[in-house]
Amino acid sequence: MAGIRQVISTLTQDGQELLGPNVLAYHYPDNSIMNGSLLTVESNHFAVLKSRGAIMDVFETGQYTIKTPDRPIIGTFQQAFFGGNSPWQYEVIYINRAKLILEVAGVAFSREMAEMGYHVSCYVHVDTKEDALKLVQHMPMAGHHVTMQEVNAYAGPVIEQSINKIVQLTQLERVNEKMPDIIELVKDHLQEFLAVYGLMLNDVKALVFPKDERMKELISLRAFGLSELDAVRYYTAMLMAQRGIVSAPNMAVGKPYYVGNPLMSMDAAEGGSNGSTK
């Protein structure tokens, strides 16, 4: 109806917010936005107004009436059917300006080519109206949403390259010592990359760990000051003890086990083949 102005918002009819914590951008799906419609922008949003593909303005918090220069294209047809307003003229893209979480997981390889898993969490946000324009201009939108999963797909290769640049030159058991360098490199490369899309990087949290459970156990034993050989022996002894094998202590200390006299087996190795200490 011509006398009723349409209200454009990110709220549904039952009051639910469509621009949630996993949505970076939202394209208002109604194709009947007309001149004179009311555009509502929440306190943690930007709104980008487009007309026939061209960006007209970027709005911050508030409510605005959509107005454009007169375009007498349709004439009496426009007056008769749309009350002076023509549909398909305008698009609204809402940008979430709250801090959102970007999460990427993958695999890197140490200097020994051991498989290392990593998980990186980053906090990003759109800071200014200019950044909102960059996002609309450079981030493709399939459907009506740009989700953080889609942003993860863009950032993933940058993070993987940054982590591998250090991890591939580092011994497996010393990777954790390099975590400050890894985080700093990820920050530098990722901020430069995200700036193209108008995203500001706030903080980075990263964890790098051996993918193989055996390697985790061995590295833990090495942390107690054991040599590589001793760590392997103690790890094997723990597995044997879990299975109830009585020779597990012998494996731990590297002594032979003699069937029939388990209590004396370690002493026998030192004092004689028959278990005598003389």
Protein backbone atom coordinates (compact mmCIF):
# COMPACT_ATOMS: atom_id res chain seq x y z
CA MET A 1 0.00 0.00 0.00
CA ALA A 2 1.35 3.38 -1.05
CA GLY A 3 0.52 5.16 2.20
CA ILE A 4 2.46 2.73 4.42
CA ARG A 5 6.20 3.09 4.59
CA GLN A 6 8.21 -0.10 4.82
CA VAL A 7 10.53 -0.54 7.82
CA ILE A 8 13.83 -2.24 7.01
CA SER A 9 15.50 -3.95 9.94
CA THR A 10 17.52 -7.01 11.00
CA LEU A 11 14.80 -8.04 13.45
CA THR A 12 12.23 -10.67 12.57
CA GLN A 13 8.54 -10.22 13.29
CA ASP A 14 8.94 -12.01 16.63
CA GLY A 15 11.91 -9.83 17.61
CA GLN A 16 14.79 -12.21 16.88
CA GLU A 17 18.08 -10.73 15.64
CA LEU A 18 19.18 -12.08 12.24
CA LEU A 19 22.71 -10.69 12.47
CA GLY A 20 23.96 -13.15 15.08
CA PRO A 21 27.47 -13.91 16.40
CA ASN A 22 28.29 -16.09 13.41
CA VAL A 23 27.07 -13.68 10.71
CA LEU A 24 29.38 -10.95 9.41
CA ALA A 25 27.07 -9.46 6.77
CA TYR A 26 23.37 -9.78 5.95
CA HIS A 27 21.67 -8.83 2.69
CA TYR A 28 18.11 -7.69 3.34
CA PRO A 29 16.12 -10.12 1.17
CA ASP A 30 13.04 -8.01 0.36
CA ASN A 31 12.91 -6.90 -3.27
CA SER A 32 10.31 -4.18 -2.68
CA ILE A 33 12.48 -1.54 -0.97
CA MET A 34 11.31 1.83 -2.25
CA ASN A 35 12.03 5.50 -1.91
CA GLY A 36 10.64 6.65 1.45
CA SER A 37 11.23 3.35 3.28
CA LEU A 38 12.55 3.59 6.85
CA LEU A 39 15.98 2.09 7.39
CA THR A 40 16.73 1.02 10.99
CA VAL A 41 20.35 0.48 12.03
CA GLU A 42 21.10 -1.06 15.43
CA SER A 43 23.93 0.11 17.70
CA ASN A 44 26.30 -2.70 16.67
CA HIS A 45 25.63 -2.56 12.94
CA PHE A 46 26.48 -0.61 9.81
CA ALA A 47 24.08 -0.47 6.85
CA VAL A 48 25.22 -0.03 3.25
CA LEU A 49 22.62 1.26 0.81
CA LYS A 50 22.98 0.36 -2.87
CA SER A 51 20.93 1.43 -5.86
CA ARG A 52 21.20 -0.47 -9.15
CA GLY A 53 24.58 -1.87 -8.06
CA ALA A 54 26.08 1.49 -7.01
CA ILE A 55 26.85 2.24 -3.36
CA MET A 56 24.90 5.30 -2.28
CA ASP A 57 25.67 5.68 1.43
CA VAL A 58 26.79 3.97 4.65
CA PHE A 59 24.68 4.48 7.77
CA GLU A 60 25.53 4.13 11.45
CA THR A 61 23.14 3.74 14.40
CA GLY A 62 19.72 5.35 13.91
CA GLN A 63 16.66 5.37 11.67
CA TYR A 64 16.77 6.94 8.23
CA THR A 65 14.35 7.66 5.40
CA ILE A 66 15.60 6.38 2.07
CA LYS A 67 15.68 9.28 -0.37
CA THR A 68 17.28 9.58 -3.78
CA PRO A 69 17.16 12.12 -6.62
CA ASP A 70 14.02 12.01 -8.75
CA ARG A 71 14.23 9.57 -11.66
CA PRO A 72 11.23 10.05 -13.97
CA ILE A 73 11.78 6.78 -15.82
CA ILE A 74 8.48 4.94 -15.53
CA GLY A 75 6.13 7.92 -15.43
CA THR A 76 2.39 7.15 -15.25
CA PHE A 77 3.04 3.40 -14.92
CA GLN A 78 5.07 4.07 -11.77
CA GLN A 79 2.41 6.42 -10.39
CA ALA A 80 -0.43 3.98 -11.06
CA PHE A 81 1.06 0.80 -9.64
CA PHE A 82 3.61 1.92 -7.04
CA GLY A 83 2.31 5.30 -5.85
CA GLY A 84 5.34 7.12 -7.26
CA ASN A 85 7.87 4.58 -6.03
CA SER A 86 9.52 1.94 -8.17
CA PRO A 87 10.63 -1.44 -6.69
CA TRP A 88 13.97 -3.15 -7.32
CA GLN A 89 15.71 0.19 -6.85
CA TYR A 90 17.51 -0.37 -3.57
CA GLU A 91 19.50 -2.98 -1.68
CA VAL A 92 20.52 -2.89 1.98
CA ILE A 93 23.48 -4.83 3.34
CA TYR A 94 23.89 -4.88 7.10
CA ILE A 95 27.40 -5.25 8.52
CA ASN A 96 28.01 -6.68 11.99
CA ARG A 97 30.44 -4.34 13.80
CA ALA A 98 30.65 -6.46 16.98
CA LYS A 99 33.76 -8.54 17.71
CA LEU A 100 33.45 -11.92 16.02
CA ILE A 101 35.56 -15.07 16.34
CA LEU A 102 37.51 -16.42 13.39
CA GLU A 103 38.66 -20.01 13.99
CA VAL A 104 40.98 -22.08 11.81
CA ALA A 105 42.33 -25.60 12.42
CA GLY A 106 44.79 -27.53 10.30
CA VAL A 107 47.99 -29.56 10.09
CA ALA A 108 51.65 -28.47 10.00
CA PHE A 109 54.87 -30.50 9.92
CA SER A 110 57.89 -30.22 12.17
CA ARG A 111 61.53 -30.38 11.03
CA GLU A 112 61.37 -34.18 11.40
CA MET A 113 58.19 -34.15 9.25
CA ALA A 114 56.13 -35.13 12.29
CA GLU A 115 52.47 -34.21 11.95
CA MET A 116 51.43 -31.28 14.14
CA GLY A 117 47.88 -30.06 14.59
CA TYR A 118 47.07 -26.40 15.21
CA HIS A 119 44.04 -24.39 16.26
CA VAL A 120 43.96 -20.61 15.89
CA SER A 121 41.24 -18.32 17.26
CA CYS A 122 41.16 -14.65 16.25
CA TYR A 123 38.89 -11.79 17.27
CA VAL A 124 37.99 -9.45 14.41
CA HIS A 125 35.60 -6.56 13.84
CA VAL A 126 34.60 -3.91 11.29
CA ASP A 127 35.71 -0.62 12.80
CA THR A 128 34.64 2.25 10.53
CA LYS A 129 32.24 3.14 7.72
CA GLU A 130 35.17 2.97 5.31
CA ASP A 131 35.87 -0.59 6.46
CA ALA A 132 32.21 -1.50 5.90
CA LEU A 133 32.57 -0.30 2.31
CA LYS A 134 35.69 -2.44 1.83
CA LEU A 135 33.80 -5.49 3.06
CA VAL A 136 30.90 -4.95 0.67
CA GLN A 137 33.23 -4.27 -2.26
CA HIS A 138 35.67 -7.16 -1.75
CA MET A 139 33.87 -9.97 0.09
CA PRO A 140 31.62 -12.01 -2.25
CA MET A 141 28.18 -12.86 -0.93
CA ALA A 142 26.43 -16.09 -1.87
CA GLY A 143 22.80 -15.87 -0.87
CA HIS A 144 21.89 -13.38 1.83
CA HIS A 145 24.66 -13.98 4.39
CA VAL A 146 28.41 -13.84 4.83
CA THR A 147 29.19 -16.17 7.72
CA MET A 148 32.38 -16.48 9.73
CA GLN A 149 32.87 -19.96 8.25
CA GLU A 150 33.26 -18.29 4.85
CA VAL A 151 35.78 -15.83 6.30
CA ASN A 152 37.64 -18.81 7.82
CA ALA A 153 38.01 -20.28 4.33
CA TYR A 154 39.74 -17.08 3.18
CA ALA A 155 41.99 -16.76 6.22
CA GLY A 156 42.93 -20.45 6.45
CA PRO A 157 45.75 -20.48 3.85
CA VAL A 158 47.32 -17.34 5.35
CA ILE A 159 47.40 -18.90 8.83
CA GLU A 160 48.67 -22.24 7.53
CA GLN A 161 51.54 -20.59 5.66
CA SER A 162 52.51 -18.47 8.68
CA ILE A 163 52.59 -21.44 11.06
CA ASN A 164 54.48 -23.73 8.69
CA LYS A 165 57.08 -21.05 8.07
CA ILE A 166 58.32 -21.53 11.66
CA VAL A 167 57.20 -25.06 12.56
CA GLN A 168 58.94 -26.68 9.57
CA LEU A 169 62.28 -25.33 10.81
CA THR A 170 61.75 -26.38 14.44
CA GLN A 171 62.31 -29.67 16.24
CA LEU A 172 59.11 -31.34 17.38
CA GLU A 173 59.82 -31.06 21.11
CA ARG A 174 60.79 -27.38 20.82
CA VAL A 175 57.75 -26.12 18.93
CA ASN A 176 56.14 -24.75 22.10
CA GLU A 177 59.19 -22.57 22.68
CA LYS A 178 58.43 -20.87 19.37
CA MET A 179 54.80 -20.04 20.16
CA PRO A 180 55.42 -16.29 20.74
CA ASP A 181 57.12 -16.08 17.32
CA ILE A 182 54.33 -18.09 15.69
CA ILE A 183 51.59 -15.87 17.13
CA GLU A 184 53.41 -12.69 16.14
CA LEU A 185 53.90 -13.92 12.56
CA VAL A 186 50.26 -14.96 12.28
CA LYS A 187 49.19 -11.52 13.52
CA ASP A 188 51.35 -9.66 11.00
CA HIS A 189 50.31 -11.73 7.97
CA LEU A 190 46.66 -12.01 8.92
CA GLN A 191 46.16 -8.30 9.67
CA GLU A 192 47.65 -7.35 6.31
CA PHE A 193 45.34 -9.84 4.58
CA LEU A 194 42.14 -8.97 6.46
CA ALA A 195 42.64 -5.21 5.98
CA VAL A 196 41.69 -5.66 2.32
CA TYR A 197 38.24 -6.83 3.48
CA GLY A 198 37.85 -4.08 6.06
CA LEU A 199 38.40 -6.40 9.03
CA MET A 200 40.51 -5.33 11.99
CA LEU A 201 42.37 -8.02 13.93
CA ASN A 202 42.11 -7.59 17.72
CA ASP A 203 43.80 -10.63 19.19
CA VAL A 204 45.18 -14.06 18.27
CA LYS A 205 45.19 -17.26 20.33
CA ALA A 206 47.07 -20.27 18.95
CA LEU A 207 47.76 -23.85 20.00
CA VAL A 208 50.17 -26.23 18.22
CA PHE A 209 50.34 -29.86 19.33
CA PRO A 210 51.51 -33.31 18.09
CA LYS A 211 48.78 -35.17 16.24
CA ASP A 212 50.12 -38.57 17.33
CA GLU A 213 49.17 -39.50 20.92
CA ARG A 214 52.40 -41.51 21.28
CA MET A 215 54.45 -38.45 20.45
CA LYS A 216 52.58 -36.43 23.10
CA GLU A 217 53.46 -39.06 25.74
CA LEU A 218 57.11 -39.23 24.68
CA ILE A 219 57.51 -35.45 24.70
CA SER A 220 55.96 -35.35 28.19
CA LEU A 221 58.51 -37.90 29.41
CA ARG A 222 61.34 -35.96 27.79
CA ALA A 223 60.17 -32.91 29.72
CA PHE A 224 61.12 -34.75 32.92
CA GLY A 225 64.73 -34.84 31.76
CA LEU A 226 64.78 -38.36 30.32
CA SER A 227 66.91 -39.17 27.29
CA GLU A 228 65.22 -40.29 24.10
CA LEU A 229 66.01 -43.96 24.84
CA ASP A 230 64.80 -43.70 28.45
CA ALA A 231 61.61 -41.97 27.36
CA VAL A 232 60.86 -44.81 24.93
CA ARG A 233 61.55 -47.41 27.65
CA TYR A 234 59.31 -45.69 30.20
CA TYR A 235 56.54 -45.25 27.64
CA THR A 236 56.72 -48.95 26.75
CA ALA A 237 56.77 -49.87 30.45
CA MET A 238 53.58 -47.84 31.05
CA LEU A 239 51.83 -49.68 28.22
CA MET A 240 53.00 -53.01 29.63
CA ALA A 241 51.80 -52.07 33.13
CA GLN A 242 48.37 -51.15 31.77
CA ARG A 243 48.13 -54.70 30.39
CA GLY A 244 49.28 -56.29 33.64
CA ILE A 245 52.64 -57.51 32.34
CA VAL A 246 54.87 -58.17 35.34
CA SER A 247 58.10 -57.31 33.53
CA ALA A 248 57.09 -53.66 33.11
CA PRO A 249 59.55 -52.43 35.82
CA ASN A 250 62.39 -54.26 34.06
CA MET A 251 61.55 -52.47 30.82
CA ALA A 252 61.54 -49.11 32.63
CA VAL A 253 65.07 -49.55 34.04
CA GLY A 254 66.44 -51.49 31.08
CA LYS A 255 67.16 -54.76 32.92
CA PRO A 256 66.42 -58.35 31.77
CA TYR A 257 63.57 -60.36 33.22
CA TYR A 258 64.04 -64.02 34.27
CA VAL A 259 61.04 -66.32 34.25
CA GLY A 260 60.39 -68.07 37.59
CA ASN A 261 61.96 -65.48 39.89
CA PRO A 262 60.50 -62.09 38.99
CA LEU A 263 61.48 -60.43 42.26
CA MET A 264 65.14 -61.26 41.76
CA SER A 265 65.34 -60.75 38.03
CA MET A 266 66.91 -57.30 38.21
CA ASP A 267 69.40 -58.36 40.91
CA ALA A 268 70.26 -61.46 38.91
CA ALA A 269 71.30 -59.35 35.99
CA GLU A 270 73.86 -57.68 38.24
CA GLY A 271 75.00 -60.58 40.48
CA GLY A 272 74.81 -63.73 38.39
CA SER A 273 72.76 -65.79 35.99
CA ASN A 274 71.19 -67.91 38.78
CA GLY A 275 70.14 -64.98 40.95
CA SER A 276 73.11 -65.31 43.36
CA THR A 277 74.64 -62.11 44.68
CA LYS A 278 77.90 -63.78 45.55
